[in-house]
Amino acid sequence: MDADFPKTLDIEEPIFSHLPVLPQEVITGLAVHSGGHYLDATVGGGGHSRLILEAAIDVKLTAVDQDEAALAAAQKELAEFGERVNYVRSNFAAYKFPSSVFDGIIADLGVSSYHLDTPVRGFSFRHTANLDMRMDQRQSLTASDVINEWDERELADIFFKYGEERLSRRIARRIIERRPLQTTTELAEAIASCVPPKYRYGRIHPATRVFQALRIVVNDELKSLENFIEQAPLALVPGGKIVIISFHSLEDRLVKHGLRNSPLLKVLTKKPITATEAEIAHNPRSRSAKLRIAERC
């Protein structure tokens, strides 16, 4: 999903999407059973959680998300399940994992269309908005802080490392020349102004990778993912499954090695599971999704 942003954004009041990626693969991977207790570590709009709750009778679920708007959307979507769902506002890396409680854990690492389509959150350059990009509005660091206060070398390094941006140094230099930059569109224009025409009019907007890098840095996404993979297996019962869906190579690489190197897990997917052509046609967001599964030894 990080490869390109939506081409048309005409939604007046964005809402969290309830259309989960790889739905059947998730339920099969988790082996959902009656009376089981499951953790959705990134509940978002509640799409995967609904599938889990409907897959068997008397299923309980703990729904975690760091975004207040996500939890509110999930509570509305899952209201019919009442006390079978427990809601927790927390980053999944900071969540206090209980010992050997869950029969299955899922984490969908994709950025929701809600975040991209809500101008005030500052995730997309398709709208003019303040440079924010915080998933958790309680934290202090914003994209504006990074862009306007970090030095040229630091900017180039994060664009290259987290955005895999080959023109990172050129872009960082132009940002230093143009700052202060206050809005998403100002930043996008500064980036576009310093890249070659072929790059500027390519398949994706030249700001795409920089915006990905900023989002990862502002939300400390990769470190959070490392901590999650280290802690989450402790919360699984023996035989319990963990399912993680990633959307770009940096995440998938970390998930692949994190699951494989955990002394508590047995990896069940030699290669990631990807969406069928039929699902991609129905839900383009699933195009870049990669699902990996492991089991508590």
C-alpha atoms as a PDB file:
ATOM      1  CA  MET A   1       0.000   0.000   0.000  1.00  0.00           C
ATOM      2  CA  ASP A   2       2.977   2.301   0.422  1.00  0.00           C
ATOM      3  CA  ALA A   3       3.784   2.126  -3.281  1.00  0.00           C
ATOM      4  CA  ASP A   4       1.242   4.733  -4.314  1.00  0.00           C
ATOM      5  CA  PHE A   5      -1.418   6.890  -2.758  1.00  0.00           C
ATOM      6  CA  PRO A   6      -5.088   6.864  -3.816  1.00  0.00           C
ATOM      7  CA  LYS A   7      -5.597   8.675  -7.114  1.00  0.00           C
ATOM      8  CA  THR A   8      -9.052  10.024  -6.263  1.00  0.00           C
ATOM      9  CA  LEU A   9      -9.903  11.341  -2.849  1.00  0.00           C
ATOM     10  CA  ASP A  10     -13.407  12.726  -3.035  1.00  0.00           C
ATOM     11  CA  ILE A  11     -14.652  11.387   0.284  1.00  0.00           C
ATOM     12  CA  GLU A  12     -15.978  14.273   2.344  1.00  0.00           C
ATOM     13  CA  GLU A  13     -15.962  12.483   5.680  1.00  0.00           C
ATOM     14  CA  PRO A  14     -13.422   9.649   5.661  1.00  0.00           C
ATOM     15  CA  ILE A  15     -14.267   6.589   7.706  1.00  0.00           C
ATOM     16  CA  PHE A  16     -12.247   3.552   8.676  1.00  0.00           C
ATOM     17  CA  SER A  17     -12.611   0.840   6.063  1.00  0.00           C
ATOM     18  CA  HIS A  18     -14.023  -2.436   7.294  1.00  0.00           C
ATOM     19  CA  LEU A  19     -12.765  -4.391   4.246  1.00  0.00           C
ATOM     20  CA  PRO A  20      -9.937  -6.572   5.579  1.00  0.00           C
ATOM     21  CA  VAL A  21      -7.161  -7.918   3.367  1.00  0.00           C
ATOM     22  CA  LEU A  22      -6.581 -11.666   2.993  1.00  0.00           C
ATOM     23  CA  PRO A  23      -9.723 -12.449   5.051  1.00  0.00           C
ATOM     24  CA  GLN A  24      -9.926 -16.218   4.606  1.00  0.00           C
ATOM     25  CA  GLU A  25      -6.184 -16.623   4.886  1.00  0.00           C
ATOM     26  CA  VAL A  26      -6.234 -14.822   8.254  1.00  0.00           C
ATOM     27  CA  ILE A  27      -9.008 -16.985   9.717  1.00  0.00           C
ATOM     28  CA  THR A  28      -7.361 -20.178   8.450  1.00  0.00           C
ATOM     29  CA  GLY A  29      -3.963 -19.034   9.692  1.00  0.00           C
ATOM     30  CA  LEU A  30      -5.294 -18.262  13.164  1.00  0.00           C
ATOM     31  CA  ALA A  31      -7.229 -21.567  13.288  1.00  0.00           C
ATOM     32  CA  VAL A  32     -10.087 -19.780  15.060  1.00  0.00           C
ATOM     33  CA  HIS A  33     -12.071 -22.155  17.293  1.00  0.00           C
ATOM     34  CA  SER A  34     -15.007 -22.007  19.694  1.00  0.00           C
ATOM     35  CA  GLY A  35     -14.228 -20.428  23.053  1.00  0.00           C
ATOM     36  CA  GLY A  36     -10.899 -19.081  21.847  1.00  0.00           C
ATOM     37  CA  HIS A  37      -9.409 -15.745  22.911  1.00  0.00           C
ATOM     38  CA  TYR A  38      -7.732 -13.665  20.214  1.00  0.00           C
ATOM     39  CA  LEU A  39      -5.767 -10.416  20.066  1.00  0.00           C
ATOM     40  CA  ASP A  40      -6.154  -7.948  17.207  1.00  0.00           C
ATOM     41  CA  ALA A  41      -3.100  -5.791  17.832  1.00  0.00           C
ATOM     42  CA  THR A  42      -4.013  -3.233  15.133  1.00  0.00           C
ATOM     43  CA  VAL A  43      -7.801  -3.258  15.166  1.00  0.00           C
ATOM     44  CA  GLY A  44      -8.309  -0.258  12.855  1.00  0.00           C
ATOM     45  CA  GLY A  45     -11.929  -0.305  11.701  1.00  0.00           C
ATOM     46  CA  GLY A  46     -12.518  -3.788  13.093  1.00  0.00           C
ATOM     47  CA  GLY A  47     -12.604  -5.717   9.818  1.00  0.00           C
ATOM     48  CA  HIS A  48     -10.398  -8.638  10.851  1.00  0.00           C
ATOM     49  CA  SER A  49     -11.856  -8.595  14.354  1.00  0.00           C
ATOM     50  CA  ARG A  50     -15.368  -9.082  12.977  1.00  0.00           C
ATOM     51  CA  LEU A  51     -14.205 -12.070  10.929  1.00  0.00           C
ATOM     52  CA  ILE A  52     -12.618 -13.637  14.014  1.00  0.00           C
ATOM     53  CA  LEU A  53     -15.711 -13.078  16.175  1.00  0.00           C
ATOM     54  CA  GLU A  54     -17.982 -14.546  13.514  1.00  0.00           C
ATOM     55  CA  ALA A  55     -15.776 -17.552  12.751  1.00  0.00           C
ATOM     56  CA  ALA A  56     -16.791 -19.596  15.814  1.00  0.00           C
ATOM     57  CA  ILE A  57     -19.110 -19.411  18.804  1.00  0.00           C
ATOM     58  CA  ASP A  58     -18.141 -17.851  22.148  1.00  0.00           C
ATOM     59  CA  VAL A  59     -14.969 -16.274  20.728  1.00  0.00           C
ATOM     60  CA  LYS A  60     -13.474 -13.475  22.828  1.00  0.00           C
ATOM     61  CA  LEU A  61     -11.282 -10.733  21.431  1.00  0.00           C
ATOM     62  CA  THR A  62      -8.967  -8.028  22.735  1.00  0.00           C
ATOM     63  CA  ALA A  63      -8.827  -5.077  20.339  1.00  0.00           C
ATOM     64  CA  VAL A  64      -5.753  -2.823  20.521  1.00  0.00           C
ATOM     65  CA  ASP A  65      -4.982   0.374  18.623  1.00  0.00           C
ATOM     66  CA  GLN A  66      -2.979   3.501  19.417  1.00  0.00           C
ATOM     67  CA  ASP A  67      -5.335   5.715  17.403  1.00  0.00           C
ATOM     68  CA  GLU A  68      -8.344   7.032  19.310  1.00  0.00           C
ATOM     69  CA  ALA A  69     -10.367   7.359  16.096  1.00  0.00           C
ATOM     70  CA  ALA A  70      -9.608   3.728  15.200  1.00  0.00           C
ATOM     71  CA  LEU A  71     -10.856   2.448  18.543  1.00  0.00           C
ATOM     72  CA  ALA A  72     -14.024   4.517  18.254  1.00  0.00           C
ATOM     73  CA  ALA A  73     -14.645   3.087  14.783  1.00  0.00           C
ATOM     74  CA  ALA A  74     -14.003  -0.460  16.004  1.00  0.00           C
ATOM     75  CA  GLN A  75     -16.372  -0.046  18.956  1.00  0.00           C
ATOM     76  CA  LYS A  76     -19.110   1.016  16.559  1.00  0.00           C
ATOM     77  CA  GLU A  77     -18.389  -1.773  14.082  1.00  0.00           C
ATOM     78  CA  LEU A  78     -18.229  -4.479  16.779  1.00  0.00           C
ATOM     79  CA  ALA A  79     -20.959  -3.174  19.096  1.00  0.00           C
ATOM     80  CA  GLU A  80     -23.175  -6.223  18.547  1.00  0.00           C
ATOM     81  CA  PHE A  81     -20.567  -8.480  20.176  1.00  0.00           C
ATOM     82  CA  GLY A  82     -20.861  -6.636  23.496  1.00  0.00           C
ATOM     83  CA  GLU A  83     -18.639  -7.840  26.318  1.00  0.00           C
ATOM     84  CA  ARG A  84     -16.937 -10.416  24.119  1.00  0.00           C
ATOM     85  CA  VAL A  85     -14.638  -7.562  23.020  1.00  0.00           C
ATOM     86  CA  ASN A  86     -12.201  -5.694  25.251  1.00  0.00           C
ATOM     87  CA  TYR A  87     -10.772  -2.422  23.869  1.00  0.00           C
ATOM     88  CA  VAL A  88      -7.319  -1.117  24.746  1.00  0.00           C
ATOM     89  CA  ARG A  89      -5.742   2.106  23.501  1.00  0.00           C
ATOM     90  CA  SER A  90      -2.054   1.377  23.132  1.00  0.00           C
ATOM     91  CA  ASN A  91       0.717   1.023  20.600  1.00  0.00           C
ATOM     92  CA  PHE A  92       1.052  -2.720  20.047  1.00  0.00           C
ATOM     93  CA  ALA A  93       4.676  -2.566  21.151  1.00  0.00           C
ATOM     94  CA  ALA A  94       3.750  -0.918  24.459  1.00  0.00           C
ATOM     95  CA  TYR A  95       0.804  -3.219  25.169  1.00  0.00           C
ATOM     96  CA  LYS A  96       1.232  -5.199  28.387  1.00  0.00           C
ATOM     97  CA  PHE A  97       1.134  -8.734  27.021  1.00  0.00           C
ATOM     98  CA  PRO A  98      -0.302 -11.240  29.507  1.00  0.00           C
ATOM     99  CA  SER A  99       1.438 -14.603  29.711  1.00  0.00           C
ATOM    100  CA  SER A 100       0.028 -17.513  27.673  1.00  0.00           C
ATOM    101  CA  VAL A 101      -3.502 -16.144  27.215  1.00  0.00           C
ATOM    102  CA  PHE A 102      -4.272 -15.834  23.508  1.00  0.00           C
ATOM    103  CA  ASP A 103      -5.065 -18.602  21.047  1.00  0.00           C
ATOM    104  CA  GLY A 104      -4.118 -16.290  18.219  1.00  0.00           C
ATOM    105  CA  ILE A 105      -2.697 -12.834  17.516  1.00  0.00           C
ATOM    106  CA  ILE A 106      -3.041 -10.748  14.359  1.00  0.00           C
ATOM    107  CA  ALA A 107      -1.297  -7.541  13.350  1.00  0.00           C
ATOM    108  CA  ASP A 108      -2.197  -5.763  10.094  1.00  0.00           C
ATOM    109  CA  LEU A 109       0.598  -3.243   9.532  1.00  0.00           C
ATOM    110  CA  GLY A 110      -1.028  -1.361   6.682  1.00  0.00           C
ATOM    111  CA  VAL A 111      -1.883   2.323   6.887  1.00  0.00           C
ATOM    112  CA  SER A 112      -5.639   2.741   6.611  1.00  0.00           C
ATOM    113  CA  SER A 113      -7.292   4.735   3.847  1.00  0.00           C
ATOM    114  CA  TYR A 114      -8.824   6.763   6.680  1.00  0.00           C
ATOM    115  CA  HIS A 115      -5.422   8.162   7.587  1.00  0.00           C
ATOM    116  CA  LEU A 116      -4.536   8.910   3.985  1.00  0.00           C
ATOM    117  CA  ASP A 117      -7.942  10.475   3.279  1.00  0.00           C
ATOM    118  CA  THR A 118      -8.164  12.641   6.404  1.00  0.00           C
ATOM    119  CA  PRO A 119      -6.344  15.901   5.569  1.00  0.00           C
ATOM    120  CA  VAL A 120      -5.827  17.051   9.155  1.00  0.00           C
ATOM    121  CA  ARG A 121      -3.703  13.981   9.933  1.00  0.00           C
ATOM    122  CA  GLY A 122      -1.073  15.032   7.370  1.00  0.00           C
ATOM    123  CA  PHE A 123      -0.291  11.562   5.983  1.00  0.00           C
ATOM    124  CA  SER A 124      -0.943  12.360   2.323  1.00  0.00           C
ATOM    125  CA  PHE A 125       0.325  15.001  -0.094  1.00  0.00           C
ATOM    126  CA  ARG A 126      -2.990  14.841  -1.975  1.00  0.00           C
ATOM    127  CA  HIS A 127      -4.383  17.371   0.506  1.00  0.00           C
ATOM    128  CA  THR A 128      -2.905  20.555   1.929  1.00  0.00           C
ATOM    129  CA  ALA A 129      -2.455  19.979   5.649  1.00  0.00           C
ATOM    130  CA  ASN A 130       0.005  20.532   8.456  1.00  0.00           C
ATOM    131  CA  LEU A 131       2.886  18.068   8.532  1.00  0.00           C
ATOM    132  CA  ASP A 132       1.695  15.796  11.334  1.00  0.00           C
ATOM    133  CA  MET A 133       1.654  12.018  10.601  1.00  0.00           C
ATOM    134  CA  ARG A 134       1.165  10.950  14.227  1.00  0.00           C
ATOM    135  CA  MET A 135      -0.821   7.740  14.637  1.00  0.00           C
ATOM    136  CA  ASP A 136      -1.111   8.519  18.330  1.00  0.00           C
ATOM    137  CA  GLN A 137      -2.038  12.164  18.775  1.00  0.00           C
ATOM    138  CA  ARG A 138      -0.732  12.072  22.357  1.00  0.00           C
ATOM    139  CA  GLN A 139       2.905  11.933  21.240  1.00  0.00           C
ATOM    140  CA  SER A 140       4.902  15.106  20.661  1.00  0.00           C
ATOM    141  CA  LEU A 141       7.108  14.400  17.622  1.00  0.00           C
ATOM    142  CA  THR A 142       5.525  15.382  14.297  1.00  0.00           C
ATOM    143  CA  ALA A 143       6.665  15.268  10.667  1.00  0.00           C
ATOM    144  CA  SER A 144       7.085  19.041  10.830  1.00  0.00           C
ATOM    145  CA  ASP A 145       9.624  18.656  13.635  1.00  0.00           C
ATOM    146  CA  VAL A 146      11.651  16.218  11.550  1.00  0.00           C
ATOM    147  CA  ILE A 147      11.522  18.225   8.315  1.00  0.00           C
ATOM    148  CA  ASN A 148      12.263  21.604   9.862  1.00  0.00           C
ATOM    149  CA  GLU A 149      14.665  20.736  12.679  1.00  0.00           C
ATOM    150  CA  TRP A 150      16.753  17.739  11.632  1.00  0.00           C
ATOM    151  CA  ASP A 151      19.966  18.413   9.709  1.00  0.00           C
ATOM    152  CA  GLU A 152      20.595  17.551   6.078  1.00  0.00           C
ATOM    153  CA  ARG A 153      22.520  14.356   6.745  1.00  0.00           C
ATOM    154  CA  GLU A 154      19.881  13.031   9.130  1.00  0.00           C
ATOM    155  CA  LEU A 155      17.138  13.709   6.587  1.00  0.00           C
ATOM    156  CA  ALA A 156      19.058  12.041   3.765  1.00  0.00           C
ATOM    157  CA  ASP A 157      19.739   9.014   5.943  1.00  0.00           C
ATOM    158  CA  ILE A 158      16.111   8.438   6.917  1.00  0.00           C
ATOM    159  CA  PHE A 159      14.858   8.970   3.351  1.00  0.00           C
ATOM    160  CA  PHE A 160      17.324   6.342   2.130  1.00  0.00           C
ATOM    161  CA  LYS A 161      16.897   3.890   5.007  1.00  0.00           C
ATOM    162  CA  TYR A 162      13.135   4.030   5.538  1.00  0.00           C
ATOM    163  CA  GLY A 163      11.949   5.197   2.141  1.00  0.00           C
ATOM    164  CA  GLU A 164      14.549   3.411   0.026  1.00  0.00           C
ATOM    165  CA  GLU A 165      14.826   6.722  -1.815  1.00  0.00           C
ATOM    166  CA  ARG A 166      17.855   6.746  -4.138  1.00  0.00           C
ATOM    167  CA  LEU A 167      17.762  10.556  -4.524  1.00  0.00           C
ATOM    168  CA  SER A 168      17.765  11.051  -0.752  1.00  0.00           C
ATOM    169  CA  ARG A 169      20.708  13.473  -0.618  1.00  0.00           C
ATOM    170  CA  ARG A 170      19.390  15.694  -3.383  1.00  0.00           C
ATOM    171  CA  ILE A 171      15.961  15.830  -1.755  1.00  0.00           C
ATOM    172  CA  ALA A 172      17.383  16.560   1.694  1.00  0.00           C
ATOM    173  CA  ARG A 173      19.421  19.427   0.259  1.00  0.00           C
ATOM    174  CA  ARG A 174      16.360  20.974  -1.386  1.00  0.00           C
ATOM    175  CA  ILE A 175      14.343  20.687   1.836  1.00  0.00           C
ATOM    176  CA  ILE A 176      17.068  22.540   3.740  1.00  0.00           C
ATOM    177  CA  GLU A 177      17.004  25.262   1.077  1.00  0.00           C
ATOM    178  CA  ARG A 178      13.219  25.631   1.172  1.00  0.00           C
ATOM    179  CA  ARG A 179      12.433  25.309   4.841  1.00  0.00           C
ATOM    180  CA  PRO A 180      10.541  26.139   6.909  1.00  0.00           C
ATOM    181  CA  LEU A 181       7.987  23.920   5.196  1.00  0.00           C
ATOM    182  CA  GLN A 182       4.630  24.018   6.906  1.00  0.00           C
ATOM    183  CA  THR A 183       2.309  21.828   4.826  1.00  0.00           C
ATOM    184  CA  THR A 184       2.216  18.478   3.067  1.00  0.00           C
ATOM    185  CA  THR A 185       1.865  20.075  -0.360  1.00  0.00           C
ATOM    186  CA  GLU A 186       4.771  22.470   0.243  1.00  0.00           C
ATOM    187  CA  LEU A 187       6.957  19.483   1.062  1.00  0.00           C
ATOM    188  CA  ALA A 188       5.738  17.495  -1.948  1.00  0.00           C
ATOM    189  CA  GLU A 189       6.390  20.449  -4.268  1.00  0.00           C
ATOM    190  CA  ALA A 190       9.885  20.949  -2.865  1.00  0.00           C
ATOM    191  CA  ILE A 191      10.678  17.294  -3.522  1.00  0.00           C
ATOM    192  CA  ALA A 192       9.221  17.339  -7.045  1.00  0.00           C
ATOM    193  CA  SER A 193      11.183  20.476  -7.908  1.00  0.00           C
ATOM    194  CA  CYS A 194      14.580  18.831  -7.459  1.00  0.00           C
ATOM    195  CA  VAL A 195      14.195  15.490  -9.218  1.00  0.00           C
ATOM    196  CA  PRO A 196      14.686  14.739 -12.938  1.00  0.00           C
ATOM    197  CA  PRO A 197      11.594  14.983 -15.193  1.00  0.00           C
ATOM    198  CA  LYS A 198      11.535  11.209 -15.772  1.00  0.00           C
ATOM    199  CA  TYR A 199      11.438  10.701 -12.010  1.00  0.00           C
ATOM    200  CA  ARG A 200       8.907  13.475 -11.500  1.00  0.00           C
ATOM    201  CA  TYR A 201       6.386  12.006 -13.917  1.00  0.00           C
ATOM    202  CA  GLY A 202       6.957   8.326 -13.166  1.00  0.00           C
ATOM    203  CA  ARG A 203       4.494   5.712 -11.940  1.00  0.00           C
ATOM    204  CA  ILE A 204       4.466   7.111  -8.418  1.00  0.00           C
ATOM    205  CA  HIS A 205       4.770  10.660  -7.141  1.00  0.00           C
ATOM    206  CA  PRO A 206       8.398  11.533  -6.248  1.00  0.00           C
ATOM    207  CA  ALA A 207       7.308  12.393  -2.687  1.00  0.00           C
ATOM    208  CA  THR A 208       5.859   8.940  -1.987  1.00  0.00           C
ATOM    209  CA  ARG A 209       8.993   7.364  -0.540  1.00  0.00           C
ATOM    210  CA  VAL A 210       9.853  10.428   1.540  1.00  0.00           C
ATOM    211  CA  PHE A 211       6.372  10.450   3.052  1.00  0.00           C
ATOM    212  CA  GLN A 212       6.718   6.751   3.865  1.00  0.00           C
ATOM    213  CA  ALA A 213      10.038   7.411   5.569  1.00  0.00           C
ATOM    214  CA  LEU A 214       8.613  10.279   7.603  1.00  0.00           C
ATOM    215  CA  ARG A 215       5.651   8.211   8.737  1.00  0.00           C
ATOM    216  CA  ILE A 216       7.941   5.388   9.838  1.00  0.00           C
ATOM    217  CA  VAL A 217      10.213   7.762  11.758  1.00  0.00           C
ATOM    218  CA  VAL A 218       7.457   9.810  13.406  1.00  0.00           C
ATOM    219  CA  ASN A 219       5.708   6.670  14.657  1.00  0.00           C
ATOM    220  CA  ASP A 220       8.894   4.664  15.280  1.00  0.00           C
ATOM    221  CA  GLU A 221       7.230   1.911  13.289  1.00  0.00           C
ATOM    222  CA  LEU A 222      10.093  -0.505  12.734  1.00  0.00           C
ATOM    223  CA  LYS A 223      11.340  -0.430  16.312  1.00  0.00           C
ATOM    224  CA  SER A 224       7.765  -0.897  17.510  1.00  0.00           C
ATOM    225  CA  LEU A 225       7.415  -3.877  15.189  1.00  0.00           C
ATOM    226  CA  GLU A 226      10.640  -5.411  16.504  1.00  0.00           C
ATOM    227  CA  ASN A 227       9.411  -5.047  20.088  1.00  0.00           C
ATOM    228  CA  PHE A 228       6.019  -6.489  19.182  1.00  0.00           C
ATOM    229  CA  ILE A 229       7.515  -9.590  17.554  1.00  0.00           C
ATOM    230  CA  GLU A 230       9.761 -10.085  20.573  1.00  0.00           C
ATOM    231  CA  GLN A 231       6.971  -9.756  23.164  1.00  0.00           C
ATOM    232  CA  ALA A 232       3.850 -11.111  21.461  1.00  0.00           C
ATOM    233  CA  PRO A 233       4.827 -14.828  21.429  1.00  0.00           C
ATOM    234  CA  LEU A 234       4.898 -14.805  25.236  1.00  0.00           C
ATOM    235  CA  ALA A 235       1.167 -14.123  25.205  1.00  0.00           C
ATOM    236  CA  LEU A 236       0.297 -17.154  23.058  1.00  0.00           C
ATOM    237  CA  VAL A 237      -0.832 -20.480  24.474  1.00  0.00           C
ATOM    238  CA  PRO A 238       1.138 -23.514  23.218  1.00  0.00           C
ATOM    239  CA  GLY A 239      -0.011 -24.107  19.660  1.00  0.00           C
ATOM    240  CA  GLY A 240      -1.342 -20.561  19.384  1.00  0.00           C
ATOM    241  CA  LYS A 241      -0.802 -18.768  16.080  1.00  0.00           C
ATOM    242  CA  ILE A 242       0.528 -15.323  15.216  1.00  0.00           C
ATOM    243  CA  VAL A 243      -0.379 -13.785  11.861  1.00  0.00           C
ATOM    244  CA  ILE A 244       1.302 -10.611  10.598  1.00  0.00           C
ATOM    245  CA  ILE A 245       0.415  -8.737   7.407  1.00  0.00           C
ATOM    246  CA  SER A 246       3.005  -6.303   6.037  1.00  0.00           C
ATOM    247  CA  PHE A 247       2.840  -3.931   3.076  1.00  0.00           C
ATOM    248  CA  HIS A 248       6.400  -2.975   2.181  1.00  0.00           C
ATOM    249  CA  SER A 249       9.760  -4.695   2.005  1.00  0.00           C
ATOM    250  CA  LEU A 250      11.219  -3.139   5.165  1.00  0.00           C
ATOM    251  CA  GLU A 251       8.367  -4.506   7.277  1.00  0.00           C
ATOM    252  CA  ASP A 252       8.254  -7.889   5.579  1.00  0.00           C
ATOM    253  CA  ARG A 253      11.987  -8.402   5.993  1.00  0.00           C
ATOM    254  CA  LEU A 254      11.733  -7.588   9.692  1.00  0.00           C
ATOM    255  CA  VAL A 255       8.718  -9.888  10.156  1.00  0.00           C
ATOM    256  CA  LYS A 256      10.391 -12.733   8.273  1.00  0.00           C
ATOM    257  CA  HIS A 257      13.565 -12.649  10.367  1.00  0.00           C
ATOM    258  CA  GLY A 258      11.798 -11.790  13.630  1.00  0.00           C
ATOM    259  CA  LEU A 259       9.482 -14.794  13.464  1.00  0.00           C
ATOM    260  CA  ARG A 260      12.252 -17.109  12.297  1.00  0.00           C
ATOM    261  CA  ASN A 261      14.655 -16.025  15.047  1.00  0.00           C
ATOM    262  CA  SER A 262      12.166 -16.259  17.917  1.00  0.00           C
ATOM    263  CA  PRO A 263      12.974 -19.232  20.191  1.00  0.00           C
ATOM    264  CA  LEU A 264       9.269 -19.512  21.013  1.00  0.00           C
ATOM    265  CA  LEU A 265       7.949 -19.808  17.458  1.00  0.00           C
ATOM    266  CA  LYS A 266       7.817 -22.260  14.597  1.00  0.00           C
ATOM    267  CA  VAL A 267       7.316 -20.554  11.233  1.00  0.00           C
ATOM    268  CA  LEU A 268       4.501 -22.094   9.189  1.00  0.00           C
ATOM    269  CA  THR A 269       4.956 -20.047   5.999  1.00  0.00           C
ATOM    270  CA  LYS A 270       8.197 -20.550   4.080  1.00  0.00           C
ATOM    271  CA  LYS A 271       7.047 -17.829   1.694  1.00  0.00           C
ATOM    272  CA  PRO A 272       4.536 -15.063   2.432  1.00  0.00           C
ATOM    273  CA  ILE A 273       0.909 -15.599   1.458  1.00  0.00           C
ATOM    274  CA  THR A 274      -0.322 -13.006  -1.023  1.00  0.00           C
ATOM    275  CA  ALA A 275      -3.709 -11.990  -2.369  1.00  0.00           C
ATOM    276  CA  THR A 276      -5.386 -13.715  -5.293  1.00  0.00           C
ATOM    277  CA  GLU A 277      -6.092 -11.824  -8.492  1.00  0.00           C
ATOM    278  CA  ALA A 278      -9.786 -11.911  -7.578  1.00  0.00           C
ATOM    279  CA  GLU A 279      -9.155 -10.223  -4.223  1.00  0.00           C
ATOM    280  CA  ILE A 280      -6.871  -7.609  -5.777  1.00  0.00           C
ATOM    281  CA  ALA A 281      -9.612  -6.750  -8.291  1.00  0.00           C
ATOM    282  CA  HIS A 282     -12.109  -6.404  -5.439  1.00  0.00           C
ATOM    283  CA  ASN A 283      -9.741  -4.714  -2.991  1.00  0.00           C
ATOM    284  CA  PRO A 284      -6.687  -3.025  -4.602  1.00  0.00           C
ATOM    285  CA  ARG A 285      -5.229  -2.397  -1.125  1.00  0.00           C
ATOM    286  CA  SER A 286      -4.436  -6.115  -0.929  1.00  0.00           C
ATOM    287  CA  ARG A 287      -2.035  -5.916  -3.885  1.00  0.00           C
ATOM    288  CA  SER A 288       1.104  -5.455  -1.797  1.00  0.00           C
ATOM    289  CA  ALA A 289      -0.016  -7.408   1.294  1.00  0.00           C
ATOM    290  CA  LYS A 290       2.215 -10.240   2.535  1.00  0.00           C
ATOM    291  CA  LEU A 291       1.038 -12.551   5.291  1.00  0.00           C
ATOM    292  CA  ARG A 292       3.312 -14.682   7.458  1.00  0.00           C
ATOM    293  CA  ILE A 293       2.237 -17.183  10.114  1.00  0.00           C
ATOM    294  CA  ALA A 294       4.054 -18.761  13.055  1.00  0.00           C
ATOM    295  CA  GLU A 295       3.022 -21.072  15.909  1.00  0.00           C
ATOM    296  CA  ARG A 296       3.964 -21.027  19.593  1.00  0.00           C
ATOM    297  CA  CYS A 297       6.096 -24.071  20.286  1.00  0.00           C
END
